[in-house]
PDB file of N, CA and C in Angstrom:
ATOM      1  N   MET A   1       4.315  10.541  22.613  1.00  0.00           N
ATOM      2  CA  MET A   1       4.186   9.352  21.823  1.00  0.00           C
ATOM      3  C   MET A   1       3.937   9.759  20.305  1.00  0.00           C
ATOM      4  N   VAL A   2       3.145  10.727  20.232  1.00  0.00           N
ATOM      5  CA  VAL A   2       2.756  11.116  18.742  1.00  0.00           C
ATOM      6  C   VAL A   2       3.956  11.767  18.211  1.00  0.00           C
ATOM      7  N   GLN A   3       4.773  12.433  18.975  1.00  0.00           N
ATOM      8  CA  GLN A   3       6.018  13.022  18.359  1.00  0.00           C
ATOM      9  C   GLN A   3       7.082  11.921  17.994  1.00  0.00           C
ATOM     10  N   TYR A   4       7.005  10.665  18.604  1.00  0.00           N
ATOM     11  CA  TYR A   4       7.832   9.712  18.266  1.00  0.00           C
ATOM     12  C   TYR A   4       7.405   9.136  16.865  1.00  0.00           C
ATOM     13  N   PHE A   5       6.046   9.139  16.811  1.00  0.00           N
ATOM     14  CA  PHE A   5       5.385   8.439  15.535  1.00  0.00           C
ATOM     15  C   PHE A   5       5.902   9.369  14.344  1.00  0.00           C
ATOM     16  N   TRP A   6       5.816  10.844  14.672  1.00  0.00           N
ATOM     17  CA  TRP A   6       6.028  11.604  13.305  1.00  0.00           C
ATOM     18  C   TRP A   6       7.673  11.590  13.108  1.00  0.00           C
ATOM     19  N   GLU A   7       8.473  11.382  14.255  1.00  0.00           N
ATOM     20  CA  GLU A   7       9.931  11.185  13.888  1.00  0.00           C
ATOM     21  C   GLU A   7      10.101  10.032  13.095  1.00  0.00           C
ATOM     22  N   TYR A   8       9.377   8.978  13.416  1.00  0.00           N
ATOM     23  CA  TYR A   8       9.591   7.556  12.579  1.00  0.00           C
ATOM     24  C   TYR A   8       9.136   7.952  11.234  1.00  0.00           C
ATOM     25  N   VAL A   9       8.044   8.659  10.995  1.00  0.00           N
ATOM     26  CA  VAL A   9       7.570   8.915   9.688  1.00  0.00           C
ATOM     27  C   VAL A   9       8.607   9.679   8.873  1.00  0.00           C
ATOM     28  N   LEU A  10       9.126  10.654   9.461  1.00  0.00           N
ATOM     29  CA  LEU A  10      10.091  11.541   8.799  1.00  0.00           C
ATOM     30  C   LEU A  10      11.297  10.822   8.348  1.00  0.00           C
ATOM     31  N   ALA A  11      11.745   9.857   9.169  1.00  0.00           N
ATOM     32  CA  ALA A  11      13.023   9.012   8.905  1.00  0.00           C
ATOM     33  C   ALA A  11      12.835   7.912   7.873  1.00  0.00           C
ATOM     34  N   ARG A  12      11.679   7.750   7.377  1.00  0.00           N
ATOM     35  CA  ARG A  12      11.347   6.620   6.372  1.00  0.00           C
ATOM     36  C   ARG A  12      11.454   7.222   4.848  1.00  0.00           C
ATOM     37  N   SER A  13      11.756   6.296   4.067  1.00  0.00           N
ATOM     38  CA  SER A  13      11.751   6.615   2.621  1.00  0.00           C
ATOM     39  C   SER A  13      10.339   6.999   2.088  1.00  0.00           C
ATOM     40  N   ASP A  14      10.197   7.446   0.918  1.00  0.00           N
ATOM     41  CA  ASP A  14       8.923   7.630   0.347  1.00  0.00           C
ATOM     42  C   ASP A  14       8.149   6.436   0.287  1.00  0.00           C
ATOM     43  N   THR A  15       8.803   5.341  -0.288  1.00  0.00           N
ATOM     44  CA  THR A  15       8.131   4.055  -0.305  1.00  0.00           C
ATOM     45  C   THR A  15       7.731   3.505   0.990  1.00  0.00           C
ATOM     46  N   GLN A  16       8.522   3.684   2.017  1.00  0.00           N
ATOM     47  CA  GLN A  16       8.046   3.174   3.326  1.00  0.00           C
ATOM     48  C   GLN A  16       6.983   4.153   3.856  1.00  0.00           C
ATOM     49  N   ARG A  17       6.910   5.409   3.718  1.00  0.00           N
ATOM     50  CA  ARG A  17       5.895   6.108   4.105  1.00  0.00           C
ATOM     51  C   ARG A  17       4.516   5.768   3.352  1.00  0.00           C
ATOM     52  N   SER A  18       4.667   5.477   2.000  1.00  0.00           N
ATOM     53  CA  SER A  18       3.457   4.955   1.334  1.00  0.00           C
ATOM     54  C   SER A  18       2.872   3.738   1.926  1.00  0.00           C
ATOM     55  N   ASP A  19       3.840   2.811   2.247  1.00  0.00           N
ATOM     56  CA  ASP A  19       3.481   1.577   2.802  1.00  0.00           C
ATOM     57  C   ASP A  19       2.732   1.753   4.238  1.00  0.00           C
ATOM     58  N   LEU A  20       3.228   2.592   4.942  1.00  0.00           N
ATOM     59  CA  LEU A  20       2.697   2.957   6.391  1.00  0.00           C
ATOM     60  C   LEU A  20       1.282   3.683   6.173  1.00  0.00           C
ATOM     61  N   LEU A  21       1.161   4.520   5.115  1.00  0.00           N
ATOM     62  CA  LEU A  21      -0.007   5.288   4.894  1.00  0.00           C
ATOM     63  C   LEU A  21      -1.072   4.256   4.427  1.00  0.00           C
ATOM     64  N   PHE A  22      -0.635   3.303   3.597  1.00  0.00           N
ATOM     65  CA  PHE A  22      -1.676   2.298   3.182  1.00  0.00           C
ATOM     66  C   PHE A  22      -2.017   1.317   4.380  1.00  0.00           C
ATOM     67  N   TRP A  23      -1.116   1.041   5.252  1.00  0.00           N
ATOM     68  CA  TRP A  23      -1.474   0.185   6.517  1.00  0.00           C
ATOM     69  C   TRP A  23      -2.400   0.779   7.311  1.00  0.00           C
ATOM     70  N   ILE A  24      -2.321   2.246   7.415  1.00  0.00           N
ATOM     71  CA  ILE A  24      -3.165   2.835   8.315  1.00  0.00           C
ATOM     72  C   ILE A  24      -4.640   3.177   7.589  1.00  0.00           C
ATOM     73  N   THR A  25      -4.634   3.634   6.448  1.00  0.00           N
ATOM     74  CA  THR A  25      -5.814   4.346   5.839  1.00  0.00           C
ATOM     75  C   THR A  25      -6.293   3.411   4.511  1.00  0.00           C
ATOM     76  N   GLY A  26      -5.571   2.462   4.055  1.00  0.00           N
ATOM     77  CA  GLY A  26      -5.902   1.652   3.028  1.00  0.00           C
ATOM     78  C   GLY A  26      -5.740   2.324   1.671  1.00  0.00           C
ATOM     79  N   ARG A  27      -5.057   3.474   1.705  1.00  0.00           N
ATOM     80  CA  ARG A  27      -4.638   4.262   0.509  1.00  0.00           C
ATOM     81  C   ARG A  27      -3.172   4.378   0.672  1.00  0.00           C
ATOM     82  N   CYS A  28      -2.498   4.411  -0.702  1.00  0.00           N
ATOM     83  CA  CYS A  28      -1.077   4.615  -0.723  1.00  0.00           C
ATOM     84  C   CYS A  28      -0.743   6.049  -1.033  1.00  0.00           C
ATOM     85  N   ARG A  29      -1.682   6.979  -1.129  1.00  0.00           N
ATOM     86  CA  ARG A  29      -1.299   8.283  -1.475  1.00  0.00           C
ATOM     87  C   ARG A  29      -2.423   9.165  -0.623  1.00  0.00           C
ATOM     88  N   PRO A  30      -1.826  10.242  -0.203  1.00  0.00           N
ATOM     89  CA  PRO A  30      -2.838  11.210   0.635  1.00  0.00           C
ATOM     90  C   PRO A  30      -3.979  11.483  -0.331  1.00  0.00           C
ATOM     91  N   PRO A  31      -5.153  11.759   0.323  1.00  0.00           N
ATOM     92  CA  PRO A  31      -6.210  12.210  -0.542  1.00  0.00           C
ATOM     93  C   PRO A  31      -5.897  13.577  -1.315  1.00  0.00           C
ATOM     94  N   LEU A  32      -6.498  13.841  -2.523  1.00  0.00           N
ATOM     95  CA  LEU A  32      -6.250  15.038  -3.235  1.00  0.00           C
ATOM     96  C   LEU A  32      -6.616  16.256  -2.487  1.00  0.00           C
ATOM     97  N   SER A  33      -7.835  16.185  -1.758  1.00  0.00           N
ATOM     98  CA  SER A  33      -8.246  17.286  -0.912  1.00  0.00           C
ATOM     99  C   SER A  33      -7.590  17.286   0.267  1.00  0.00           C
ATOM    100  N   GLY A  34      -6.671  16.570   0.733  1.00  0.00           N
ATOM    101  CA  GLY A  34      -5.903  16.686   1.968  1.00  0.00           C
ATOM    102  C   GLY A  34      -6.616  15.778   3.062  1.00  0.00           C
ATOM    103  N   PHE A  35      -5.894  15.682   4.211  1.00  0.00           N
ATOM    104  CA  PHE A  35      -6.488  14.806   5.319  1.00  0.00           C
ATOM    105  C   PHE A  35      -7.606  15.441   5.946  1.00  0.00           C
ATOM    106  N   ALA A  36      -7.907  16.673   5.681  1.00  0.00           N
ATOM    107  CA  ALA A  36      -9.065  17.413   6.263  1.00  0.00           C
ATOM    108  C   ALA A  36     -10.350  16.518   5.865  1.00  0.00           C
ATOM    109  N   SER A  37     -10.295  15.966   4.529  1.00  0.00           N
ATOM    110  CA  SER A  37     -11.526  15.334   4.212  1.00  0.00           C
ATOM    111  C   SER A  37     -11.575  13.895   4.577  1.00  0.00           C
ATOM    112  N   THR A  38     -10.377  13.284   4.754  1.00  0.00           N
ATOM    113  CA  THR A  38     -10.291  11.880   5.185  1.00  0.00           C
ATOM    114  C   THR A  38      -9.143  11.942   6.286  1.00  0.00           C
ATOM    115  N   PRO A  39      -9.552  12.244   7.529  1.00  0.00           N
ATOM    116  CA  PRO A  39      -8.533  12.298   8.566  1.00  0.00           C
ATOM    117  C   PRO A  39      -7.959  11.048   9.073  1.00  0.00           C
ATOM    118  N   MET A  40      -6.799  11.116   9.379  1.00  0.00           N
ATOM    119  CA  MET A  40      -5.972  10.007  10.030  1.00  0.00           C
ATOM    120  C   MET A  40      -5.937  10.419  11.506  1.00  0.00           C
ATOM    121  N   VAL A  41      -6.483   9.444  12.305  1.00  0.00           N
ATOM    122  CA  VAL A  41      -6.420   9.635  13.895  1.00  0.00           C
ATOM    123  C   VAL A  41      -5.474   8.636  14.514  1.00  0.00           C
ATOM    124  N   ILE A  42      -4.770   9.247  15.477  1.00  0.00           N
ATOM    125  CA  ILE A  42      -3.828   8.376  16.197  1.00  0.00           C
ATOM    126  C   ILE A  42      -4.337   8.358  17.681  1.00  0.00           C
ATOM    127  N   SER A  43      -4.766   7.142  18.118  1.00  0.00           N
ATOM    128  CA  SER A  43      -5.177   7.069  19.483  1.00  0.00           C
ATOM    129  C   SER A  43      -4.092   6.351  20.429  1.00  0.00           C
ATOM    130  N   VAL A  44      -3.511   7.002  21.445  1.00  0.00           N
ATOM    131  CA  VAL A  44      -2.525   6.457  22.244  1.00  0.00           C
ATOM    132  C   VAL A  44      -3.052   5.897  23.580  1.00  0.00           C
ATOM    133  N   GLY A  45      -2.456   4.653  23.815  1.00  0.00           N
ATOM    134  CA  GLY A  45      -2.748   3.998  24.986  1.00  0.00           C
ATOM    135  C   GLY A  45      -2.885   2.468  24.732  1.00  0.00           C
ATOM    136  N   GLY A  46      -2.989   1.804  25.861  1.00  0.00           N
ATOM    137  CA  GLY A  46      -2.998   0.330  25.719  1.00  0.00           C
ATOM    138  C   GLY A  46      -1.603  -0.161  26.241  1.00  0.00           C
ATOM    139  N   SER A  47      -1.609  -1.517  26.283  1.00  0.00           N
ATOM    140  CA  SER A  47      -0.500  -2.271  26.687  1.00  0.00           C
ATOM    141  C   SER A  47       0.769  -2.118  25.756  1.00  0.00           C
ATOM    142  N   ILE A  48       1.908  -1.848  26.449  1.00  0.00           N
ATOM    143  CA  ILE A  48       3.231  -1.721  25.530  1.00  0.00           C
ATOM    144  C   ILE A  48       3.648  -3.004  24.899  1.00  0.00           C
ATOM    145  N   ASP A  49       3.110  -4.061  25.473  1.00  0.00           N
ATOM    146  CA  ASP A  49       3.504  -5.446  24.933  1.00  0.00           C
ATOM    147  C   ASP A  49       2.755  -5.685  23.614  1.00  0.00           C
ATOM    148  N   ARG A  50       1.840  -4.860  23.272  1.00  0.00           N
ATOM    149  CA  ARG A  50       1.034  -5.107  21.973  1.00  0.00           C
ATOM    150  C   ARG A  50       1.609  -4.271  20.922  1.00  0.00           C
ATOM    151  N   LEU A  51       1.259  -4.830  19.607  1.00  0.00           N
ATOM    152  CA  LEU A  51       1.823  -4.053  18.424  1.00  0.00           C
ATOM    153  C   LEU A  51       0.771  -2.949  18.068  1.00  0.00           C
ATOM    154  N   PRO A  52       1.215  -1.977  17.338  1.00  0.00           N
ATOM    155  CA  PRO A  52       0.167  -0.979  17.000  1.00  0.00           C
ATOM    156  C   PRO A  52      -0.864  -1.667  16.065  1.00  0.00           C
ATOM    157  N   VAL A  53      -2.040  -1.211  16.069  1.00  0.00           N
ATOM    158  CA  VAL A  53      -3.018  -1.734  15.313  1.00  0.00           C
ATOM    159  C   VAL A  53      -3.752  -0.686  14.416  1.00  0.00           C
ATOM    160  N   SER A  54      -4.100  -0.914  13.040  1.00  0.00           N
ATOM    161  CA  SER A  54      -4.588   0.072  12.261  1.00  0.00           C
ATOM    162  C   SER A  54      -6.085  -0.475  11.844  1.00  0.00           C
ATOM    163  N   HIS A  55      -6.833   0.632  11.746  1.00  0.00           N
ATOM    164  CA  HIS A  55      -8.220   0.367  11.337  1.00  0.00           C
ATOM    165  C   HIS A  55      -8.373   1.046  10.003  1.00  0.00           C
ATOM    166  N   THR A  56      -8.193   0.315   8.851  1.00  0.00           N
ATOM    167  CA  THR A  56      -8.122   1.100   7.547  1.00  0.00           C
ATOM    168  C   THR A  56      -9.390   1.678   7.235  1.00  0.00           C
ATOM    169  N   CYS A  57     -10.538   1.171   7.563  1.00  0.00           N
ATOM    170  CA  CYS A  57     -11.839   1.756   7.155  1.00  0.00           C
ATOM    171  C   CYS A  57     -11.974   3.175   7.640  1.00  0.00           C
ATOM    172  N   SER A  58     -11.509   3.302   8.900  1.00  0.00           N
ATOM    173  CA  SER A  58     -11.835   4.663   9.521  1.00  0.00           C
ATOM    174  C   SER A  58     -10.468   5.464   9.689  1.00  0.00           C
ATOM    175  N   GLY A  59      -9.340   4.875   9.195  1.00  0.00           N
ATOM    176  CA  GLY A  59      -8.107   5.777   9.335  1.00  0.00           C
ATOM    177  C   GLY A  59      -7.560   5.911  10.763  1.00  0.00           C
ATOM    178  N   TYR A  60      -7.900   4.919  11.580  1.00  0.00           N
ATOM    179  CA  TYR A  60      -7.413   5.100  12.921  1.00  0.00           C
ATOM    180  C   TYR A  60      -6.262   4.204  13.138  1.00  0.00           C
ATOM    181  N   LEU A  61      -5.255   4.772  14.036  1.00  0.00           N
ATOM    182  CA  LEU A  61      -4.205   4.006  14.334  1.00  0.00           C
ATOM    183  C   LEU A  61      -4.057   3.958  15.879  1.00  0.00           C
ATOM    184  N   ASP A  62      -4.244   2.643  16.535  1.00  0.00           N
ATOM    185  CA  ASP A  62      -4.118   2.550  17.995  1.00  0.00           C
ATOM    186  C   ASP A  62      -2.646   2.273  18.139  1.00  0.00           C
ATOM    187  N   LEU A  63      -2.043   3.191  18.918  1.00  0.00           N
ATOM    188  CA  LEU A  63      -0.592   3.271  19.186  1.00  0.00           C
ATOM    189  C   LEU A  63      -0.292   3.174  20.729  1.00  0.00           C
ATOM    190  N   PRO A  64       0.152   1.888  21.267  1.00  0.00           N
ATOM    191  CA  PRO A  64       0.530   1.950  22.575  1.00  0.00           C
ATOM    192  C   PRO A  64       1.576   3.027  22.942  1.00  0.00           C
ATOM    193  N   GLU A  65       1.650   3.429  24.081  1.00  0.00           N
ATOM    194  CA  GLU A  65       2.497   4.370  24.675  1.00  0.00           C
ATOM    195  C   GLU A  65       3.922   3.806  25.039  1.00  0.00           C
ATOM    196  N   TYR A  66       4.730   3.603  23.946  1.00  0.00           N
ATOM    197  CA  TYR A  66       6.096   3.057  24.126  1.00  0.00           C
ATOM    198  C   TYR A  66       6.903   4.040  24.747  1.00  0.00           C
ATOM    199  N   SER A  67       7.908   3.515  25.377  1.00  0.00           N
ATOM    200  CA  SER A  67       8.900   4.369  26.324  1.00  0.00           C
ATOM    201  C   SER A  67      10.000   5.100  25.359  1.00  0.00           C
ATOM    202  N   SER A  68      10.117   4.656  24.295  1.00  0.00           N
ATOM    203  CA  SER A  68      11.139   5.179  23.383  1.00  0.00           C
ATOM    204  C   SER A  68      10.957   5.180  21.836  1.00  0.00           C
ATOM    205  N   LEU A  69      11.549   6.063  21.176  1.00  0.00           N
ATOM    206  CA  LEU A  69      11.410   6.077  19.696  1.00  0.00           C
ATOM    207  C   LEU A  69      11.862   4.663  19.252  1.00  0.00           C
ATOM    208  N   GLU A  70      12.795   4.058  19.833  1.00  0.00           N
ATOM    209  CA  GLU A  70      13.453   2.894  19.407  1.00  0.00           C
ATOM    210  C   GLU A  70      12.347   1.659  19.399  1.00  0.00           C
ATOM    211  N   MET A  71      11.535   1.781  20.719  1.00  0.00           N
ATOM    212  CA  MET A  71      10.648   0.818  20.816  1.00  0.00           C
ATOM    213  C   MET A  71       9.561   0.873  19.869  1.00  0.00           C
ATOM    214  N   LEU A  72       9.098   2.234  19.630  1.00  0.00           N
ATOM    215  CA  LEU A  72       8.093   2.472  18.633  1.00  0.00           C
ATOM    216  C   LEU A  72       8.523   1.940  17.152  1.00  0.00           C
ATOM    217  N   GLU A  73       9.790   2.144  16.832  1.00  0.00           N
ATOM    218  CA  GLU A  73      10.266   1.705  15.570  1.00  0.00           C
ATOM    219  C   GLU A  73      10.199   0.198  15.609  1.00  0.00           C
ATOM    220  N   LEU A  74      10.694  -0.511  16.364  1.00  0.00           N
ATOM    221  CA  LEU A  74      10.629  -2.085  16.599  1.00  0.00           C
ATOM    222  C   LEU A  74       9.135  -2.501  16.342  1.00  0.00           C
ATOM    223  N   LYS A  75       8.330  -1.940  17.089  1.00  0.00           N
ATOM    224  CA  LYS A  75       6.870  -2.424  17.201  1.00  0.00           C
ATOM    225  C   LYS A  75       6.240  -2.051  15.791  1.00  0.00           C
ATOM    226  N   LEU A  76       6.401  -0.891  15.315  1.00  0.00           N
ATOM    227  CA  LEU A  76       5.714  -0.480  14.032  1.00  0.00           C
ATOM    228  C   LEU A  76       6.242  -1.289  12.964  1.00  0.00           C
ATOM    229  N   ASN A  77       7.590  -1.408  12.849  1.00  0.00           N
ATOM    230  CA  ASN A  77       8.272  -2.213  11.727  1.00  0.00           C
ATOM    231  C   ASN A  77       7.718  -3.711  11.830  1.00  0.00           C
ATOM    232  N   GLN A  78       7.551  -4.346  13.060  1.00  0.00           N
ATOM    233  CA  GLN A  78       7.009  -5.681  13.096  1.00  0.00           C
ATOM    234  C   GLN A  78       5.554  -5.815  12.771  1.00  0.00           C
ATOM    235  N   ALA A  79       4.863  -4.838  13.026  1.00  0.00           N
ATOM    236  CA  ALA A  79       3.419  -4.837  12.733  1.00  0.00           C
ATOM    237  C   ALA A  79       3.204  -4.719  11.121  1.00  0.00           C
ATOM    238  N   LEU A  80       4.046  -3.832  10.531  1.00  0.00           N
ATOM    239  CA  LEU A  80       4.014  -3.600   9.111  1.00  0.00           C
ATOM    240  C   LEU A  80       4.627  -5.001   8.320  1.00  0.00           C
ATOM    241  N   GLU A  81       5.601  -5.686   8.888  1.00  0.00           N
ATOM    242  CA  GLU A  81       6.315  -6.785   8.371  1.00  0.00           C
ATOM    243  C   GLU A  81       5.101  -7.830   8.371  1.00  0.00           C
ATOM    244  N   GLU A  82       4.410  -8.030   9.406  1.00  0.00           N
ATOM    245  CA  GLU A  82       3.430  -9.056   9.583  1.00  0.00           C
ATOM    246  C   GLU A  82       2.213  -8.749   8.586  1.00  0.00           C
ATOM    247  N   GLN A  83       1.916  -7.569   8.337  1.00  0.00           N
ATOM    248  CA  GLN A  83       0.890  -7.173   7.503  1.00  0.00           C
ATOM    249  C   GLN A  83       1.300  -7.595   6.056  1.00  0.00           C
ATOM    250  N   ASN A  84       2.518  -7.158   5.715  1.00  0.00           N
ATOM    251  CA  ASN A  84       3.039  -7.528   4.365  1.00  0.00           C
ATOM    252  C   ASN A  84       3.164  -8.922   4.133  1.00  0.00           C
ATOM    253  N   PHE A  85       3.470  -9.810   5.255  1.00  0.00           N
ATOM    254  CA  PHE A  85       3.636 -11.206   5.105  1.00  0.00           C
ATOM    255  C   PHE A  85       2.234 -11.759   4.901  1.00  0.00           C
ATOM    256  N   ALA A  86       1.170 -11.061   5.459  1.00  0.00           N
ATOM    257  CA  ALA A  86      -0.207 -11.607   5.290  1.00  0.00           C
ATOM    258  C   ALA A  86      -0.789 -11.354   3.933  1.00  0.00           C
ATOM    259  N   LEU A  87      -0.328 -10.307   3.258  1.00  0.00           N
ATOM    260  CA  LEU A  87      -0.782  -9.911   1.871  1.00  0.00           C
ATOM    261  C   LEU A  87      -0.061 -10.815   0.899  1.00  0.00           C
ATOM    262  N   ALA A  88       1.025 -11.337   1.186  1.00  0.00           N
ATOM    263  CA  ALA A  88       2.085 -12.170   0.170  1.00  0.00           C
ATOM    264  C   ALA A  88       1.215 -13.346  -0.116  1.00  0.00           C
TER     265      ALA A  88
END
């Protein structure tokens, strides 16, 4: 599942990666000192009917164990769109 996540990230534009990073960590750029000082943690598990959930204060991403990259893309895109709608 984590491999699917990184495939998803690598296939995004710089702007999309920045949006994803902001959604997960509350920052639109990586920390200057790197992620060792402010880690991003991916927790895999939970119902595949749910959307991924981010916890920006702690940099945690709760990622259900989807069966394919396509399902992960669909669910992550939906979660990001809903978050962008909420910010508008």
